[in-house]
PDB file of N, CA and C in Angstrom:
ATOM      1  N   UNK A   1      23.787   2.616  14.597  1.00  0.00           N
ATOM      2  CA  UNK A   1      22.461   3.149  14.843  1.00  0.00           C
ATOM      3  C   UNK A   1      21.761   3.373  13.513  1.00  0.00           C
ATOM      4  N   UNK A   2      20.537   3.059  13.470  1.00  0.00           N
ATOM      5  CA  UNK A   2      19.733   3.194  12.267  1.00  0.00           C
ATOM      6  C   UNK A   2      19.270   4.638  12.118  1.00  0.00           C
ATOM      7  N   UNK A   3      19.617   5.252  11.013  1.00  0.00           N
ATOM      8  CA  UNK A   3      19.209   6.644  10.771  1.00  0.00           C
ATOM      9  C   UNK A   3      17.903   6.639   9.988  1.00  0.00           C
ATOM     10  N   UNK A   4      16.836   6.985  10.661  1.00  0.00           N
ATOM     11  CA  UNK A   4      15.514   6.980  10.046  1.00  0.00           C
ATOM     12  C   UNK A   4      14.921   8.371  10.204  1.00  0.00           C
ATOM     13  N   UNK A   5      14.439   8.918   9.116  1.00  0.00           N
ATOM     14  CA  UNK A   5      13.764  10.210   9.186  1.00  0.00           C
ATOM     15  C   UNK A   5      12.294  10.008   8.842  1.00  0.00           C
ATOM     16  N   UNK A   6      11.418  10.844   9.358  1.00  0.00           N
ATOM     17  CA  UNK A   6       9.994  10.677   9.084  1.00  0.00           C
ATOM     18  C   UNK A   6       9.673  10.916   7.618  1.00  0.00           C
ATOM     19  N   UNK A   7       8.629  10.275   7.156  1.00  0.00           N
ATOM     20  CA  UNK A   7       8.182  10.434   5.777  1.00  0.00           C
ATOM     21  C   UNK A   7       7.465  11.773   5.651  1.00  0.00           C
ATOM     22  N   UNK A   8       7.785  12.482   4.595  1.00  0.00           N
ATOM     23  CA  UNK A   8       7.165  13.791   4.381  1.00  0.00           C
ATOM     24  C   UNK A   8       5.690  13.617   4.013  1.00  0.00           C
ATOM     25  N   UNK A   9       4.874  14.618   4.274  1.00  0.00           N
ATOM     26  CA  UNK A   9       3.450  14.522   3.919  1.00  0.00           C
ATOM     27  C   UNK A   9       3.220  14.314   2.419  1.00  0.00           C
ATOM     28  N   UNK A  10       4.091  14.885   1.599  1.00  0.00           N
ATOM     29  CA  UNK A  10       3.955  14.711   0.142  1.00  0.00           C
ATOM     30  C   UNK A  10       4.173  13.249  -0.253  1.00  0.00           C
ATOM     31  N   UNK A  11       5.203  12.630   0.312  1.00  0.00           N
ATOM     32  CA  UNK A  11       5.476  11.228   0.027  1.00  0.00           C
ATOM     33  C   UNK A  11       4.383  10.332   0.607  1.00  0.00           C
ATOM     34  N   UNK A  12       3.857  10.691   1.767  1.00  0.00           N
ATOM     35  CA  UNK A  12       2.762   9.934   2.363  1.00  0.00           C
ATOM     36  C   UNK A  12       1.528   9.975   1.473  1.00  0.00           C
ATOM     37  N   UNK A  13       1.261  11.111   0.862  1.00  0.00           N
ATOM     38  CA  UNK A  13       0.138  11.237  -0.061  1.00  0.00           C
ATOM     39  C   UNK A  13       0.340  10.356  -1.288  1.00  0.00           C
ATOM     40  N   UNK A  14       1.563  10.279  -1.780  1.00  0.00           N
ATOM     41  CA  UNK A  14       1.851   9.410  -2.924  1.00  0.00           C
ATOM     42  C   UNK A  14       1.589   7.956  -2.563  1.00  0.00           C
ATOM     43  N   UNK A  15       1.985   7.535  -1.374  1.00  0.00           N
ATOM     44  CA  UNK A  15       1.712   6.168  -0.927  1.00  0.00           C
ATOM     45  C   UNK A  15       0.205   5.909  -0.875  1.00  0.00           C
ATOM     46  N   UNK A  16      -0.560   6.880  -0.342  1.00  0.00           N
ATOM     47  CA  UNK A  16      -2.008   6.691  -0.223  1.00  0.00           C
ATOM     48  C   UNK A  16      -2.688   6.642  -1.585  1.00  0.00           C
ATOM     49  N   UNK A  17      -2.236   7.456  -2.524  1.00  0.00           N
ATOM     50  CA  UNK A  17      -2.807   7.414  -3.877  1.00  0.00           C
ATOM     51  C   UNK A  17      -2.496   6.082  -4.541  1.00  0.00           C
ATOM     52  N   UNK A  18      -1.274   5.586  -4.347  1.00  0.00           N
ATOM     53  CA  UNK A  18      -0.916   4.273  -4.898  1.00  0.00           C
ATOM     54  C   UNK A  18      -1.757   3.164  -4.257  1.00  0.00           C
ATOM     55  N   UNK A  19      -2.059   3.291  -2.967  1.00  0.00           N
ATOM     56  CA  UNK A  19      -2.897   2.296  -2.296  1.00  0.00           C
ATOM     57  C   UNK A  19      -4.310   2.311  -2.867  1.00  0.00           C
ATOM     58  N   UNK A  20      -4.862   3.494  -3.077  1.00  0.00           N
ATOM     59  CA  UNK A  20      -6.209   3.587  -3.645  1.00  0.00           C
ATOM     60  C   UNK A  20      -6.222   3.026  -5.062  1.00  0.00           C
ATOM     61  N   UNK A  21      -5.178   3.306  -5.848  1.00  0.00           N
ATOM     62  CA  UNK A  21      -5.084   2.741  -7.189  1.00  0.00           C
ATOM     63  C   UNK A  21      -5.017   1.212  -7.132  1.00  0.00           C
ATOM     64  N   UNK A  22      -4.321   0.688  -6.134  1.00  0.00           N
ATOM     65  CA  UNK A  22      -4.235  -0.763  -5.979  1.00  0.00           C
ATOM     66  C   UNK A  22      -5.606  -1.363  -5.663  1.00  0.00           C
ATOM     67  N   UNK A  23      -6.390  -0.668  -4.830  1.00  0.00           N
ATOM     68  CA  UNK A  23      -7.738  -1.149  -4.534  1.00  0.00           C
ATOM     69  C   UNK A  23      -8.623  -1.109  -5.778  1.00  0.00           C
ATOM     70  N   UNK A  24      -8.450  -0.093  -6.606  1.00  0.00           N
ATOM     71  CA  UNK A  24      -9.213  -0.003  -7.857  1.00  0.00           C
ATOM     72  C   UNK A  24      -8.812  -1.149  -8.786  1.00  0.00           C
ATOM     73  N   UNK A  25      -7.517  -1.434  -8.884  1.00  0.00           N
ATOM     74  CA  UNK A  25      -7.069  -2.557  -9.708  1.00  0.00           C
ATOM     75  C   UNK A  25      -7.626  -3.873  -9.176  1.00  0.00           C
ATOM     76  N   UNK A  26      -7.730  -4.018  -7.864  1.00  0.00           N
ATOM     77  CA  UNK A  26      -8.308  -5.231  -7.279  1.00  0.00           C
ATOM     78  C   UNK A  26      -9.774  -5.367  -7.674  1.00  0.00           C
ATOM     79  N   UNK A  27     -10.492  -4.256  -7.655  1.00  0.00           N
ATOM     80  CA  UNK A  27     -11.898  -4.304  -8.055  1.00  0.00           C
ATOM     81  C   UNK A  27     -12.030  -4.643  -9.529  1.00  0.00           C
ATOM     82  N   UNK A  28     -11.165  -4.088 -10.364  1.00  0.00           N
ATOM     83  CA  UNK A  28     -11.224  -4.383 -11.792  1.00  0.00           C
ATOM     84  C   UNK A  28     -10.790  -5.816 -12.091  1.00  0.00           C
ATOM     85  N   UNK A  29      -9.862  -6.342 -11.329  1.00  0.00           N
ATOM     86  CA  UNK A  29      -9.409  -7.715 -11.541  1.00  0.00           C
ATOM     87  C   UNK A  29     -10.499  -8.712 -11.192  1.00  0.00           C
ATOM     88  N   UNK A  30     -11.383  -8.349 -10.283  1.00  0.00           N
ATOM     89  CA  UNK A  30     -12.450  -9.275  -9.906  1.00  0.00           C
ATOM     90  C   UNK A  30     -13.575  -9.307 -10.938  1.00  0.00           C
ATOM     91  N   UNK A  31     -13.612  -8.325 -11.835  1.00  0.00           N
ATOM     92  CA  UNK A  31     -14.659  -8.291 -12.866  1.00  0.00           C
ATOM     93  C   UNK A  31     -14.404  -9.340 -13.940  1.00  0.00           C
ATOM     94  N   UNK A  32     -13.143  -9.556 -14.285  1.00  0.00           N
ATOM     95  CA  UNK A  32     -12.795 -10.504 -15.336  1.00  0.00           C
ATOM     96  C   UNK A  32     -13.226 -11.923 -14.990  1.00  0.00           C
ATOM     97  N   UNK A  33     -13.282 -12.764 -16.017  1.00  0.00           N
ATOM     98  CA  UNK A  33     -13.729 -14.139 -15.808  1.00  0.00           C
ATOM     99  C   UNK A  33     -12.581 -15.111 -16.074  1.00  0.00           C
ATOM    100  N   UNK A  34     -11.449 -14.845 -15.463  1.00  0.00           N
ATOM    101  CA  UNK A  34     -10.306 -15.731 -15.632  1.00  0.00           C
ATOM    102  C   UNK A  34     -10.072 -16.540 -14.364  1.00  0.00           C
ATOM    103  N   UNK A  35      -9.299 -17.576 -14.478  1.00  0.00           N
ATOM    104  CA  UNK A  35      -9.026 -18.418 -13.326  1.00  0.00           C
ATOM    105  C   UNK A  35      -8.091 -17.779 -12.322  1.00  0.00           C
ATOM    106  N   UNK A  36      -7.339 -16.767 -12.760  1.00  0.00           N
ATOM    107  CA  UNK A  36      -6.374 -16.135 -11.870  1.00  0.00           C
ATOM    108  C   UNK A  36      -6.945 -14.904 -11.179  1.00  0.00           C
ATOM    109  N   UNK A  37      -8.225 -14.637 -11.319  1.00  0.00           N
ATOM    110  CA  UNK A  37      -8.768 -13.392 -10.789  1.00  0.00           C
ATOM    111  C   UNK A  37      -8.677 -13.319  -9.262  1.00  0.00           C
ATOM    112  N   UNK A  38      -8.873 -14.431  -8.583  1.00  0.00           N
ATOM    113  CA  UNK A  38      -8.795 -14.395  -7.124  1.00  0.00           C
ATOM    114  C   UNK A  38      -7.378 -14.114  -6.651  1.00  0.00           C
ATOM    115  N   UNK A  39      -6.399 -14.678  -7.319  1.00  0.00           N
ATOM    116  CA  UNK A  39      -5.004 -14.444  -6.951  1.00  0.00           C
ATOM    117  C   UNK A  39      -4.633 -12.990  -7.185  1.00  0.00           C
ATOM    118  N   UNK A  40      -5.035 -12.441  -8.304  1.00  0.00           N
ATOM    119  CA  UNK A  40      -4.721 -11.044  -8.606  1.00  0.00           C
ATOM    120  C   UNK A  40      -5.432 -10.115  -7.635  1.00  0.00           C
ATOM    121  N   UNK A  41      -6.683 -10.410  -7.323  1.00  0.00           N
ATOM    122  CA  UNK A  41      -7.442  -9.559  -6.409  1.00  0.00           C
ATOM    123  C   UNK A  41      -6.810  -9.546  -5.023  1.00  0.00           C
ATOM    124  N   UNK A  42      -6.459 -10.716  -4.518  1.00  0.00           N
ATOM    125  CA  UNK A  42      -5.842 -10.798  -3.193  1.00  0.00           C
ATOM    126  C   UNK A  42      -4.479 -10.107  -3.200  1.00  0.00           C
ATOM    127  N   UNK A  43      -3.743 -10.255  -4.282  1.00  0.00           N
ATOM    128  CA  UNK A  43      -2.443  -9.593  -4.384  1.00  0.00           C
ATOM    129  C   UNK A  43      -2.555  -8.079  -4.386  1.00  0.00           C
ATOM    130  N   UNK A  44      -3.519  -7.552  -5.131  1.00  0.00           N
ATOM    131  CA  UNK A  44      -3.704  -6.107  -5.163  1.00  0.00           C
ATOM    132  C   UNK A  44      -4.198  -5.576  -3.822  1.00  0.00           C
ATOM    133  N   UNK A  45      -5.052  -6.320  -3.149  1.00  0.00           N
ATOM    134  CA  UNK A  45      -5.524  -5.884  -1.835  1.00  0.00           C
ATOM    135  C   UNK A  45      -4.377  -5.888  -0.831  1.00  0.00           C
ATOM    136  N   UNK A  46      -3.542  -6.924  -0.871  1.00  0.00           N
ATOM    137  CA  UNK A  46      -2.385  -6.971   0.028  1.00  0.00           C
ATOM    138  C   UNK A  46      -1.431  -5.814  -0.253  1.00  0.00           C
ATOM    139  N   UNK A  47      -1.198  -5.519  -1.521  1.00  0.00           N
ATOM    140  CA  UNK A  47      -0.339  -4.400  -1.875  1.00  0.00           C
ATOM    141  C   UNK A  47      -0.940  -3.080  -1.394  1.00  0.00           C
ATOM    142  N   UNK A  48      -2.250  -2.920  -1.553  1.00  0.00           N
ATOM    143  CA  UNK A  48      -2.913  -1.707  -1.097  1.00  0.00           C
ATOM    144  C   UNK A  48      -2.809  -1.529   0.409  1.00  0.00           C
ATOM    145  N   UNK A  49      -2.985  -2.611   1.152  1.00  0.00           N
ATOM    146  CA  UNK A  49      -2.853  -2.527   2.606  1.00  0.00           C
ATOM    147  C   UNK A  49      -1.432  -2.142   3.009  1.00  0.00           C
ATOM    148  N   UNK A  50      -0.456  -2.727   2.334  1.00  0.00           N
ATOM    149  CA  UNK A  50       0.930  -2.382   2.632  1.00  0.00           C
ATOM    150  C   UNK A  50       1.199  -0.909   2.347  1.00  0.00           C
ATOM    151  N   UNK A  51       0.766  -0.432   1.170  1.00  0.00           N
ATOM    152  CA  UNK A  51       1.012   0.959   0.806  1.00  0.00           C
ATOM    153  C   UNK A  51       0.280   1.932   1.726  1.00  0.00           C
ATOM    154  N   UNK A  52      -0.894   1.543   2.194  1.00  0.00           N
ATOM    155  CA  UNK A  52      -1.673   2.430   3.062  1.00  0.00           C
ATOM    156  C   UNK A  52      -1.037   2.572   4.446  1.00  0.00           C
ATOM    157  N   UNK A  53      -0.502   1.463   4.973  1.00  0.00           N
ATOM    158  CA  UNK A  53       0.014   1.462   6.345  1.00  0.00           C
ATOM    159  C   UNK A  53       1.520   1.691   6.442  1.00  0.00           C
ATOM    160  N   UNK A  54       2.245   1.613   5.350  1.00  0.00           N
ATOM    161  CA  UNK A  54       3.699   1.757   5.403  1.00  0.00           C
ATOM    162  C   UNK A  54       4.153   3.097   5.968  1.00  0.00           C
ATOM    163  N   UNK A  55       3.585   4.247   5.548  1.00  0.00           N
ATOM    164  CA  UNK A  55       4.063   5.514   6.120  1.00  0.00           C
ATOM    165  C   UNK A  55       3.892   5.585   7.642  1.00  0.00           C
ATOM    166  N   UNK A  56       2.790   5.081   8.150  1.00  0.00           N
ATOM    167  CA  UNK A  56       2.579   5.094   9.602  1.00  0.00           C
ATOM    168  C   UNK A  56       3.586   4.194  10.312  1.00  0.00           C
ATOM    169  N   UNK A  57       3.836   3.015   9.734  1.00  0.00           N
ATOM    170  CA  UNK A  57       4.823   2.125  10.346  1.00  0.00           C
ATOM    171  C   UNK A  57       6.212   2.754  10.327  1.00  0.00           C
ATOM    172  N   UNK A  58       6.554   3.435   9.225  1.00  0.00           N
ATOM    173  CA  UNK A  58       7.858   4.081   9.116  1.00  0.00           C
ATOM    174  C   UNK A  58       8.004   5.187  10.158  1.00  0.00           C
ATOM    175  N   UNK A  59       6.962   5.992  10.324  1.00  0.00           N
ATOM    176  CA  UNK A  59       7.019   7.063  11.311  1.00  0.00           C
ATOM    177  C   UNK A  59       7.092   6.517  12.739  1.00  0.00           C
ATOM    178  N   UNK A  60       6.422   5.410  13.001  1.00  0.00           N
ATOM    179  CA  UNK A  60       6.523   4.779  14.318  1.00  0.00           C
ATOM    180  C   UNK A  60       7.924   4.251  14.567  1.00  0.00           C
ATOM    181  N   UNK A  61       8.550   3.703  13.524  1.00  0.00           N
ATOM    182  CA  UNK A  61       9.924   3.228  13.662  1.00  0.00           C
ATOM    183  C   UNK A  61      10.857   4.405  13.970  1.00  0.00           C
ATOM    184  N   UNK A  62      10.595   5.525  13.317  1.00  0.00           N
ATOM    185  CA  UNK A  62      11.420   6.719  13.546  1.00  0.00           C
ATOM    186  C   UNK A  62      11.267   7.206  14.980  1.00  0.00           C
ATOM    187  N   UNK A  63      10.057   7.183  15.520  1.00  0.00           N
ATOM    188  CA  UNK A  63       9.858   7.665  16.887  1.00  0.00           C
ATOM    189  C   UNK A  63      10.392   6.676  17.922  1.00  0.00           C
ATOM    190  N   UNK A  64      10.495   5.417  17.575  1.00  0.00           N
ATOM    191  CA  UNK A  64      11.014   4.422  18.506  1.00  0.00           C
ATOM    192  C   UNK A  64      12.521   4.559  18.712  1.00  0.00           C
ATOM    193  N   UNK A  65      13.210   5.071  17.729  1.00  0.00           N
ATOM    194  CA  UNK A  65      14.657   5.212  17.852  1.00  0.00           C
ATOM    195  C   UNK A  65      14.948   6.538  18.455  1.00  0.00           C
TER     196      UNK A  65
END
């Protein structure tokens, strides 16, 4: 059996702050005039989405078991 405990509110806040920082990095990466800016921007946005939704997905997994 998978032992999963819910994410604490403090850890959830850390995930959300990291997600917001990732969105800021995505915005800053789009300012530059390099050929890799689109790749970096999409990568930071994907990372931000993952960090924003991970605590909710983890808590849903905990309630499913």
